PDB file of N, CA and C in Angstrom:
ATOM      1  N   MET A   1     -19.521   0.611  -8.713  1.00  0.00           N
ATOM      2  CA  MET A   1     -18.295   0.127  -8.196  1.00  0.00           C
ATOM      3  C   MET A   1     -18.344  -0.652  -7.067  1.00  0.00           C
ATOM      4  N   LEU A   2     -17.666  -1.800  -6.805  1.00  0.00           N
ATOM      5  CA  LEU A   2     -17.257  -1.937  -5.288  1.00  0.00           C
ATOM      6  C   LEU A   2     -16.556  -1.498  -4.565  1.00  0.00           C
ATOM      7  N   THR A   3     -16.863  -1.265  -3.265  1.00  0.00           N
ATOM      8  CA  THR A   3     -15.879  -0.511  -1.788  1.00  0.00           C
ATOM      9  C   THR A   3     -15.691  -1.364  -1.050  1.00  0.00           C
ATOM     10  N   LEU A   4     -14.653  -0.914  -0.491  1.00  0.00           N
ATOM     11  CA  LEU A   4     -14.353  -1.810   0.552  1.00  0.00           C
ATOM     12  C   LEU A   4     -13.725  -1.180   2.063  1.00  0.00           C
ATOM     13  N   GLN A   5     -13.962  -0.829   2.786  1.00  0.00           N
ATOM     14  CA  GLN A   5     -13.339   0.179   3.988  1.00  0.00           C
ATOM     15  C   GLN A   5     -11.906  -1.289   4.685  1.00  0.00           C
ATOM     16  N   VAL A   6     -11.066  -0.333   5.074  1.00  0.00           N
ATOM     17  CA  VAL A   6      -9.751  -0.906   5.532  1.00  0.00           C
ATOM     18  C   VAL A   6      -9.312   0.146   6.220  1.00  0.00           C
ATOM     19  N   GLU A   7      -8.215  -0.338   7.374  1.00  0.00           N
ATOM     20  CA  GLU A   7      -7.594   0.503   8.184  1.00  0.00           C
ATOM     21  C   GLU A   7      -5.709   0.419   7.990  1.00  0.00           C
ATOM     22  N   ARG A   8      -5.679   1.276   8.405  1.00  0.00           N
ATOM     23  CA  ARG A   8      -4.061   1.416   8.192  1.00  0.00           C
ATOM     24  C   ARG A   8      -3.369   0.046   9.334  1.00  0.00           C
ATOM     25  N   ARG A   9      -2.253  -0.426   8.865  1.00  0.00           N
ATOM     26  CA  ARG A   9      -1.847  -1.110   9.526  1.00  0.00           C
ATOM     27  C   ARG A   9      -0.109  -0.772  10.043  1.00  0.00           C
ATOM     28  N   LEU A  10      -0.027  -0.382  11.152  1.00  0.00           N
ATOM     29  CA  LEU A  10       1.440   0.058  11.877  1.00  0.00           C
ATOM     30  C   LEU A  10       2.708  -0.841  11.710  1.00  0.00           C
ATOM     31  N   GLU A  11       2.258  -2.353  12.208  1.00  0.00           N
ATOM     32  CA  GLU A  11       3.044  -3.339  12.589  1.00  0.00           C
ATOM     33  C   GLU A  11       3.430  -4.287  11.460  1.00  0.00           C
ATOM     34  N   LYS A  12       4.261  -4.855  11.373  1.00  0.00           N
ATOM     35  CA  LYS A  12       4.658  -6.502  10.609  1.00  0.00           C
ATOM     36  C   LYS A  12       4.815  -6.974  11.621  1.00  0.00           C
ATOM     37  N   GLY A  13       4.986  -8.412  11.462  1.00  0.00           N
ATOM     38  CA  GLY A  13       5.237  -9.426  11.947  1.00  0.00           C
ATOM     39  C   GLY A  13       4.729 -10.531  11.994  1.00  0.00           C
ATOM     40  N   LYS A  14       4.941 -11.828  12.167  1.00  0.00           N
ATOM     41  CA  LYS A  14       3.949 -13.355  12.199  1.00  0.00           C
ATOM     42  C   LYS A  14       2.892 -13.053  13.791  1.00  0.00           C
ATOM     43  N   SER A  15       3.442 -12.369  14.646  1.00  0.00           N
ATOM     44  CA  SER A  15       2.872 -12.401  16.018  1.00  0.00           C
ATOM     45  C   SER A  15       1.622 -11.088  15.600  1.00  0.00           C
ATOM     46  N   PHE A  16       1.684 -10.139  15.094  1.00  0.00           N
ATOM     47  CA  PHE A  16       0.537  -9.624  14.833  1.00  0.00           C
ATOM     48  C   PHE A  16      -0.320  -9.722  14.122  1.00  0.00           C
ATOM     49  N   SER A  17       0.302 -10.722  13.009  1.00  0.00           N
ATOM     50  CA  SER A  17      -0.766 -11.179  12.059  1.00  0.00           C
ATOM     51  C   SER A  17      -1.764 -12.331  12.893  1.00  0.00           C
ATOM     52  N   ARG A  18      -0.572 -13.258  13.574  1.00  0.00           N
ATOM     53  CA  ARG A  18      -1.637 -13.990  13.941  1.00  0.00           C
ATOM     54  C   ARG A  18      -2.749 -13.209  14.633  1.00  0.00           C
ATOM     55  N   ARG A  19      -2.421 -12.252  15.767  1.00  0.00           N
ATOM     56  CA  ARG A  19      -3.128 -11.392  16.749  1.00  0.00           C
ATOM     57  C   ARG A  19      -4.336 -10.649  15.630  1.00  0.00           C
ATOM     58  N   LEU A  20      -4.117 -10.438  14.567  1.00  0.00           N
ATOM     59  CA  LEU A  20      -5.086  -9.929  13.770  1.00  0.00           C
ATOM     60  C   LEU A  20      -6.430 -10.983  13.127  1.00  0.00           C
ATOM     61  N   ARG A  21      -6.114 -12.590  13.022  1.00  0.00           N
ATOM     62  CA  ARG A  21      -6.436 -13.408  12.723  1.00  0.00           C
ATOM     63  C   ARG A  21      -7.399 -14.271  13.683  1.00  0.00           C
ATOM     64  N   ILE A  22      -6.637 -14.185  14.833  1.00  0.00           N
ATOM     65  CA  ILE A  22      -7.898 -14.459  16.181  1.00  0.00           C
ATOM     66  C   ILE A  22      -9.079 -13.430  15.978  1.00  0.00           C
ATOM     67  N   ASN A  23      -8.894 -12.230  16.010  1.00  0.00           N
ATOM     68  CA  ASN A  23      -9.838 -11.125  15.999  1.00  0.00           C
ATOM     69  C   ASN A  23     -10.381 -11.058  14.648  1.00  0.00           C
ATOM     70  N   ASN A  24     -10.409 -12.022  14.090  1.00  0.00           N
ATOM     71  CA  ASN A  24     -11.046 -11.829  12.643  1.00  0.00           C
ATOM     72  C   ASN A  24     -10.873 -11.227  11.356  1.00  0.00           C
ATOM     73  N   LYS A  25      -9.723 -10.515  11.368  1.00  0.00           N
ATOM     74  CA  LYS A  25      -9.013  -9.505  10.600  1.00  0.00           C
ATOM     75  C   LYS A  25      -8.049 -10.680   9.714  1.00  0.00           C
ATOM     76  N   PHE A  26      -7.110  -9.437   8.704  1.00  0.00           N
ATOM     77  CA  PHE A  26      -5.977 -10.010   8.089  1.00  0.00           C
ATOM     78  C   PHE A  26      -5.011  -8.991   7.416  1.00  0.00           C
ATOM     79  N   PRO A  27      -3.937  -9.143   7.913  1.00  0.00           N
ATOM     80  CA  PRO A  27      -3.225  -8.212   7.264  1.00  0.00           C
ATOM     81  C   PRO A  27      -3.032  -8.283   5.238  1.00  0.00           C
ATOM     82  N   GLY A  28      -2.961  -6.681   4.952  1.00  0.00           N
ATOM     83  CA  GLY A  28      -2.692  -6.946   3.176  1.00  0.00           C
ATOM     84  C   GLY A  28      -2.009  -6.170   3.192  1.00  0.00           C
ATOM     85  N   VAL A  29      -1.062  -5.582   2.080  1.00  0.00           N
ATOM     86  CA  VAL A  29      -0.775  -4.507   1.113  1.00  0.00           C
ATOM     87  C   VAL A  29      -1.114  -3.911   0.238  1.00  0.00           C
ATOM     88  N   LEU A  30      -0.974  -2.656  -0.295  1.00  0.00           N
ATOM     89  CA  LEU A  30      -1.334  -1.600  -1.189  1.00  0.00           C
ATOM     90  C   LEU A  30       0.029  -1.291  -2.202  1.00  0.00           C
ATOM     91  N   TYR A  31       0.173  -1.675  -2.847  1.00  0.00           N
ATOM     92  CA  TYR A  31       1.637  -0.776  -3.613  1.00  0.00           C
ATOM     93  C   TYR A  31       0.891  -0.721  -5.190  1.00  0.00           C
ATOM     94  N   GLY A  32       2.387  -0.061  -5.673  1.00  0.00           N
ATOM     95  CA  GLY A  32       2.450   0.317  -7.108  1.00  0.00           C
ATOM     96  C   GLY A  32       3.257   0.904  -7.733  1.00  0.00           C
ATOM     97  N   VAL A  33       3.647   1.397  -8.885  1.00  0.00           N
ATOM     98  CA  VAL A  33       4.627   1.528  -9.330  1.00  0.00           C
ATOM     99  C   VAL A  33       4.925   2.889  -9.058  1.00  0.00           C
ATOM    100  N   ASN A  34       6.325   3.835  -8.342  1.00  0.00           N
ATOM    101  CA  ASN A  34       6.225   4.678  -8.154  1.00  0.00           C
ATOM    102  C   ASN A  34       5.678   5.239  -7.016  1.00  0.00           C
ATOM    103  N   LYS A  35       5.017   4.463  -6.409  1.00  0.00           N
ATOM    104  CA  LYS A  35       4.023   5.042  -4.708  1.00  0.00           C
ATOM    105  C   LYS A  35       4.887   3.712  -3.703  1.00  0.00           C
ATOM    106  N   THR A  36       4.687   4.531  -2.778  1.00  0.00           N
ATOM    107  CA  THR A  36       4.648   4.146  -1.514  1.00  0.00           C
ATOM    108  C   THR A  36       3.840   3.370  -1.071  1.00  0.00           C
ATOM    109  N   GLU A  37       4.005   1.640  -0.687  1.00  0.00           N
ATOM    110  CA  GLU A  37       3.464   0.586  -0.148  1.00  0.00           C
ATOM    111  C   GLU A  37       2.418   0.975   1.044  1.00  0.00           C
ATOM    112  N   ILE A  38       1.510   0.533   1.250  1.00  0.00           N
ATOM    113  CA  ILE A  38       0.359   1.112   2.697  1.00  0.00           C
ATOM    114  C   ILE A  38       0.129  -0.496   2.901  1.00  0.00           C
ATOM    115  N   LEU A  39       0.763  -0.621   4.146  1.00  0.00           N
ATOM    116  CA  LEU A  39      -0.338  -1.923   4.911  1.00  0.00           C
ATOM    117  C   LEU A  39      -1.315  -1.720   5.652  1.00  0.00           C
ATOM    118  N   LEU A  40      -2.528  -2.460   5.117  1.00  0.00           N
ATOM    119  CA  LEU A  40      -3.524  -3.016   5.714  1.00  0.00           C
ATOM    120  C   LEU A  40      -3.946  -3.873   6.771  1.00  0.00           C
ATOM    121  N   ILE A  41      -5.186  -3.255   7.113  1.00  0.00           N
ATOM    122  CA  ILE A  41      -5.835  -4.227   7.858  1.00  0.00           C
ATOM    123  C   ILE A  41      -7.114  -4.541   7.022  1.00  0.00           C
ATOM    124  N   LEU A  42      -7.503  -5.929   7.137  1.00  0.00           N
ATOM    125  CA  LEU A  42      -8.784  -6.051   6.435  1.00  0.00           C
ATOM    126  C   LEU A  42      -9.685  -7.154   7.312  1.00  0.00           C
ATOM    127  N   ASP A  43     -10.922  -6.417   7.237  1.00  0.00           N
ATOM    128  CA  ASP A  43     -12.037  -7.270   7.780  1.00  0.00           C
ATOM    129  C   ASP A  43     -12.241  -8.438   7.179  1.00  0.00           C
ATOM    130  N   HIS A  44     -12.249  -9.597   7.858  1.00  0.00           N
ATOM    131  CA  HIS A  44     -12.159 -11.040   7.051  1.00  0.00           C
ATOM    132  C   HIS A  44     -13.821 -11.577   6.409  1.00  0.00           C
ATOM    133  N   ASN A  45     -14.961 -11.067   7.419  1.00  0.00           N
ATOM    134  CA  ASN A  45     -16.263 -11.456   6.894  1.00  0.00           C
ATOM    135  C   ASN A  45     -16.092 -10.378   5.653  1.00  0.00           C
ATOM    136  N   SER A  46     -16.393  -9.283   6.070  1.00  0.00           N
ATOM    137  CA  SER A  46     -16.524  -8.132   4.444  1.00  0.00           C
ATOM    138  C   SER A  46     -15.551  -8.653   3.286  1.00  0.00           C
ATOM    139  N   VAL A  47     -14.385  -9.060   3.148  1.00  0.00           N
ATOM    140  CA  VAL A  47     -13.699  -9.413   2.110  1.00  0.00           C
ATOM    141  C   VAL A  47     -14.517 -10.845   1.409  1.00  0.00           C
ATOM    142  N   PHE A  48     -14.465 -11.824   2.452  1.00  0.00           N
ATOM    143  CA  PHE A  48     -15.037 -13.090   2.198  1.00  0.00           C
ATOM    144  C   PHE A  48     -15.992 -12.905   1.187  1.00  0.00           C
ATOM    145  N   ASN A  49     -16.869 -12.306   2.190  1.00  0.00           N
ATOM    146  CA  ASN A  49     -18.400 -11.796   1.319  1.00  0.00           C
ATOM    147  C   ASN A  49     -18.108 -11.426  -0.047  1.00  0.00           C
ATOM    148  N   LEU A  50     -17.207 -10.200   0.122  1.00  0.00           N
ATOM    149  CA  LEU A  50     -17.002  -9.419  -1.717  1.00  0.00           C
ATOM    150  C   LEU A  50     -16.412 -10.562  -2.668  1.00  0.00           C
ATOM    151  N   GLN A  51     -15.291 -11.083  -2.089  1.00  0.00           N
ATOM    152  CA  GLN A  51     -14.823 -12.153  -2.892  1.00  0.00           C
ATOM    153  C   GLN A  51     -15.568 -13.144  -3.247  1.00  0.00           C
ATOM    154  N   LYS A  52     -16.706 -13.665  -3.367  1.00  0.00           N
ATOM    155  CA  LYS A  52     -17.506 -14.520  -3.900  1.00  0.00           C
ATOM    156  C   LYS A  52     -18.151 -13.689  -5.225  1.00  0.00           C
ATOM    157  N   LYS A  53     -18.145 -13.126  -5.474  1.00  0.00           N
ATOM    158  CA  LYS A  53     -18.575 -11.914  -6.628  1.00  0.00           C
ATOM    159  C   LYS A  53     -17.450 -12.185  -7.898  1.00  0.00           C
ATOM    160  N   VAL A  54     -17.926 -12.035  -8.685  1.00  0.00           N
ATOM    161  CA  VAL A  54     -16.885 -12.127 -10.260  1.00  0.00           C
ATOM    162  C   VAL A  54     -16.324 -10.609 -10.200  1.00  0.00           C
ATOM    163  N   GLU A  55     -17.107  -9.641  -9.772  1.00  0.00           N
ATOM    164  CA  GLU A  55     -16.680  -8.300  -9.957  1.00  0.00           C
ATOM    165  C   GLU A  55     -15.035  -7.786  -9.443  1.00  0.00           C
ATOM    166  N   PHE A  56     -14.868  -8.665  -8.259  1.00  0.00           N
ATOM    167  CA  PHE A  56     -14.120  -8.719  -7.656  1.00  0.00           C
ATOM    168  C   PHE A  56     -12.642  -8.756  -8.070  1.00  0.00           C
ATOM    169  N   TYR A  57     -12.783 -10.093  -8.711  1.00  0.00           N
ATOM    170  CA  TYR A  57     -11.359 -10.279  -9.362  1.00  0.00           C
ATOM    171  C   TYR A  57     -11.359  -9.318 -10.780  1.00  0.00           C
ATOM    172  N   LYS A  58     -12.790  -9.203 -11.161  1.00  0.00           N
ATOM    173  CA  LYS A  58     -12.308  -9.061 -12.840  1.00  0.00           C
ATOM    174  C   LYS A  58     -12.550  -6.974 -13.281  1.00  0.00           C
ATOM    175  N   GLU A  59     -12.869  -6.319 -12.033  1.00  0.00           N
ATOM    176  CA  GLU A  59     -13.052  -5.194 -12.036  1.00  0.00           C
ATOM    177  C   GLU A  59     -12.290  -4.495 -11.067  1.00  0.00           C
ATOM    178  N   ASN A  60     -12.381  -3.435 -11.553  1.00  0.00           N
ATOM    179  CA  ASN A  60     -11.376  -2.531 -10.418  1.00  0.00           C
ATOM    180  C   ASN A  60     -12.608  -2.084  -9.262  1.00  0.00           C
ATOM    181  N   PHE A  61     -11.994  -1.560  -8.030  1.00  0.00           N
ATOM    182  CA  PHE A  61     -12.900  -1.222  -7.269  1.00  0.00           C
ATOM    183  C   PHE A  61     -12.286  -0.169  -6.335  1.00  0.00           C
ATOM    184  N   PHE A  62     -12.683   0.069  -5.142  1.00  0.00           N
ATOM    185  CA  PHE A  62     -11.743   1.256  -4.079  1.00  0.00           C
ATOM    186  C   PHE A  62     -11.894   0.569  -2.595  1.00  0.00           C
ATOM    187  N   LEU A  63     -10.901   1.336  -2.629  1.00  0.00           N
ATOM    188  CA  LEU A  63     -10.282   1.086  -0.921  1.00  0.00           C
ATOM    189  C   LEU A  63     -10.740   2.169  -0.237  1.00  0.00           C
ATOM    190  N   LEU A  64     -11.331   2.056   0.848  1.00  0.00           N
ATOM    191  CA  LEU A  64     -11.405   3.499   1.781  1.00  0.00           C
ATOM    192  C   LEU A  64     -10.920   3.197   2.880  1.00  0.00           C
ATOM    193  N   LEU A  65      -9.840   4.335   2.853  1.00  0.00           N
ATOM    194  CA  LEU A  65      -8.894   4.415   3.839  1.00  0.00           C
ATOM    195  C   LEU A  65      -8.698   6.026   4.648  1.00  0.00           C
ATOM    196  N   GLU A  66      -9.201   5.886   5.428  1.00  0.00           N
ATOM    197  CA  GLU A  66      -9.056   6.704   6.382  1.00  0.00           C
ATOM    198  C   GLU A  66      -9.361   8.450   5.657  1.00  0.00           C
ATOM    199  N   ASP A  67     -10.730   8.394   5.621  1.00  0.00           N
ATOM    200  CA  ASP A  67     -10.863   9.594   4.217  1.00  0.00           C
ATOM    201  C   ASP A  67     -10.625   9.554   2.707  1.00  0.00           C
ATOM    202  N   GLU A  68      -9.717   8.740   2.753  1.00  0.00           N
ATOM    203  CA  GLU A  68      -8.871   7.975   1.099  1.00  0.00           C
ATOM    204  C   GLU A  68      -9.444   7.584   0.075  1.00  0.00           C
ATOM    205  N   LYS A  69      -9.663   7.853  -0.664  1.00  0.00           N
ATOM    206  CA  LYS A  69     -10.108   6.691  -1.837  1.00  0.00           C
ATOM    207  C   LYS A  69      -9.325   6.168  -2.975  1.00  0.00           C
ATOM    208  N   TYR A  70      -8.981   5.174  -3.110  1.00  0.00           N
ATOM    209  CA  TYR A  70      -8.039   4.268  -3.975  1.00  0.00           C
ATOM    210  C   TYR A  70      -8.800   3.579  -4.612  1.00  0.00           C
ATOM    211  N   LYS A  71      -7.876   3.433  -5.865  1.00  0.00           N
ATOM    212  CA  LYS A  71      -8.882   3.044  -6.999  1.00  0.00           C
ATOM    213  C   LYS A  71      -7.937   1.540  -6.854  1.00  0.00           C
ATOM    214  N   VAL A  72      -8.228   0.684  -6.833  1.00  0.00           N
ATOM    215  CA  VAL A  72      -7.074  -0.664  -6.835  1.00  0.00           C
ATOM    216  C   VAL A  72      -7.904  -1.838  -7.837  1.00  0.00           C
ATOM    217  N   LYS A  73      -7.179  -3.121  -7.728  1.00  0.00           N
ATOM    218  CA  LYS A  73      -7.640  -4.334  -8.312  1.00  0.00           C
ATOM    219  C   LYS A  73      -6.756  -5.327  -7.276  1.00  0.00           C
ATOM    220  N   VAL A  74      -7.272  -6.234  -6.953  1.00  0.00           N
ATOM    221  CA  VAL A  74      -6.781  -7.389  -6.732  1.00  0.00           C
ATOM    222  C   VAL A  74      -5.602  -8.095  -7.104  1.00  0.00           C
ATOM    223  N   GLN A  75      -4.198  -8.348  -6.695  1.00  0.00           N
ATOM    224  CA  GLN A  75      -2.600  -8.419  -7.096  1.00  0.00           C
ATOM    225  C   GLN A  75      -2.486 -10.059  -7.109  1.00  0.00           C
ATOM    226  N   ALA A  76      -2.831 -10.318  -5.430  1.00  0.00           N
ATOM    227  CA  ALA A  76      -2.844 -11.680  -5.120  1.00  0.00           C
ATOM    228  C   ALA A  76      -3.452 -11.767  -3.969  1.00  0.00           C
ATOM    229  N   ILE A  77      -3.656 -13.327  -3.519  1.00  0.00           N
ATOM    230  CA  ILE A  77      -4.837 -13.486  -2.427  1.00  0.00           C
ATOM    231  C   ILE A  77      -3.721 -14.875  -1.870  1.00  0.00           C
ATOM    232  N   GLN A  78      -3.598 -14.813  -0.473  1.00  0.00           N
ATOM    233  CA  GLN A  78      -3.106 -16.207   0.430  1.00  0.00           C
ATOM    234  C   GLN A  78      -4.531 -16.527   1.205  1.00  0.00           C
ATOM    235  N   ARG A  79      -4.783 -18.069   0.722  1.00  0.00           N
ATOM    236  CA  ARG A  79      -5.485 -18.919   1.478  1.00  0.00           C
ATOM    237  C   ARG A  79      -4.915 -19.813   2.040  1.00  0.00           C
ATOM    238  N   HIS A  80      -5.572 -20.063   3.452  1.00  0.00           N
ATOM    239  CA  HIS A  80      -5.720 -21.234   4.088  1.00  0.00           C
ATOM    240  C   HIS A  80      -5.274 -22.408   3.541  1.00  0.00           C
ATOM    241  N   SER A  81      -4.977 -23.543   3.619  1.00  0.00           N
ATOM    242  CA  SER A  81      -4.811 -24.444   2.656  1.00  0.00           C
ATOM    243  C   SER A  81      -6.371 -25.498   2.896  1.00  0.00           C
ATOM    244  N   PHE A  82      -6.704 -25.627   4.344  1.00  0.00           N
ATOM    245  CA  PHE A  82      -7.752 -26.311   4.174  1.00  0.00           C
ATOM    246  C   PHE A  82      -9.311 -25.905   4.756  1.00  0.00           C
ATOM    247  N   LYS A  83      -8.904 -24.608   5.267  1.00  0.00           N
ATOM    248  CA  LYS A  83     -10.313 -23.446   6.496  1.00  0.00           C
ATOM    249  C   LYS A  83     -10.503 -22.942   4.947  1.00  0.00           C
ATOM    250  N   LEU A  84     -11.591 -22.289   4.887  1.00  0.00           N
ATOM    251  CA  LEU A  84     -12.214 -21.648   4.242  1.00  0.00           C
ATOM    252  C   LEU A  84     -11.685 -19.920   4.805  1.00  0.00           C
ATOM    253  N   LYS A  85     -10.304 -19.504   4.631  1.00  0.00           N
ATOM    254  CA  LYS A  85      -9.716 -18.297   5.980  1.00  0.00           C
ATOM    255  C   LYS A  85      -8.836 -17.655   4.825  1.00  0.00           C
ATOM    256  N   LEU A  86      -9.235 -16.106   4.752  1.00  0.00           N
ATOM    257  CA  LEU A  86      -7.807 -15.578   3.527  1.00  0.00           C
ATOM    258  C   LEU A  86      -7.009 -15.390   4.750  1.00  0.00           C
ATOM    259  N   LEU A  87      -5.899 -15.237   4.047  1.00  0.00           N
ATOM    260  CA  LEU A  87      -4.465 -14.858   4.980  1.00  0.00           C
ATOM    261  C   LEU A  87      -3.967 -13.569   4.671  1.00  0.00           C
ATOM    262  N   HIS A  88      -4.119 -13.161   3.114  1.00  0.00           N
ATOM    263  CA  HIS A  88      -3.189 -12.379   3.206  1.00  0.00           C
ATOM    264  C   HIS A  88      -3.474 -11.692   1.692  1.00  0.00           C
ATOM    265  N   MET A  89      -3.655 -10.115   1.458  1.00  0.00           N
ATOM    266  CA  MET A  89      -4.102  -9.683   0.374  1.00  0.00           C
ATOM    267  C   MET A  89      -3.167  -8.892  -0.456  1.00  0.00           C
ATOM    268  N   ASP A  90      -2.966  -8.875  -1.871  1.00  0.00           N
ATOM    269  CA  ASP A  90      -2.125  -7.956  -2.226  1.00  0.00           C
ATOM    270  C   ASP A  90      -2.934  -7.015  -3.365  1.00  0.00           C
ATOM    271  N   PHE A  91      -3.109  -5.465  -3.240  1.00  0.00           N
ATOM    272  CA  PHE A  91      -3.570  -4.932  -4.127  1.00  0.00           C
ATOM    273  C   PHE A  91      -2.751  -4.030  -4.790  1.00  0.00           C
ATOM    274  N   LEU A  92      -3.243  -3.484  -5.880  1.00  0.00           N
ATOM    275  CA  LEU A  92      -2.241  -2.938  -6.853  1.00  0.00           C
ATOM    276  C   LEU A  92      -2.928  -1.694  -7.527  1.00  0.00           C
ATOM    277  N   TYR A  93      -2.111  -0.408  -7.300  1.00  0.00           N
ATOM    278  CA  TYR A  93      -2.959   0.786  -7.324  1.00  0.00           C
ATOM    279  C   TYR A  93      -3.362   0.877  -9.114  1.00  0.00           C
ATOM    280  N   VAL A  94      -4.555   1.599  -9.427  1.00  0.00           N
ATOM    281  CA  VAL A  94      -4.739   1.806 -10.660  1.00  0.00           C
ATOM    282  C   VAL A  94      -5.198   3.170 -10.812  1.00  0.00           C
ATOM    283  N   SER A  95      -4.230   3.765 -11.926  1.00  0.00           N
ATOM    284  CA  SER A  95      -4.475   5.072 -12.455  1.00  0.00           C
ATOM    285  C   SER A  95      -6.176   5.430 -12.909  1.00  0.00           C
TER     286      SER A  95
END
């Protein structure tokens, strides 16, 4: 099963997201029914290489966040209109 290392994000907003993207990272969010949402920072190269695999979209995988493991699936991906860049990702908890 695929795993992806992520970091917790404490800030929101356009300027913070822009600073992340300059540093080859991008924002994401993990949410689910009756669960609190967790704001994430994702490494662009790691996710870009993983998203080339079919399993990334079809199967559940694990997010590793600060010694915790979350079973998730991809809910939504925002991409740049003409560059090969990921802008934002939504993940959904899987029980």
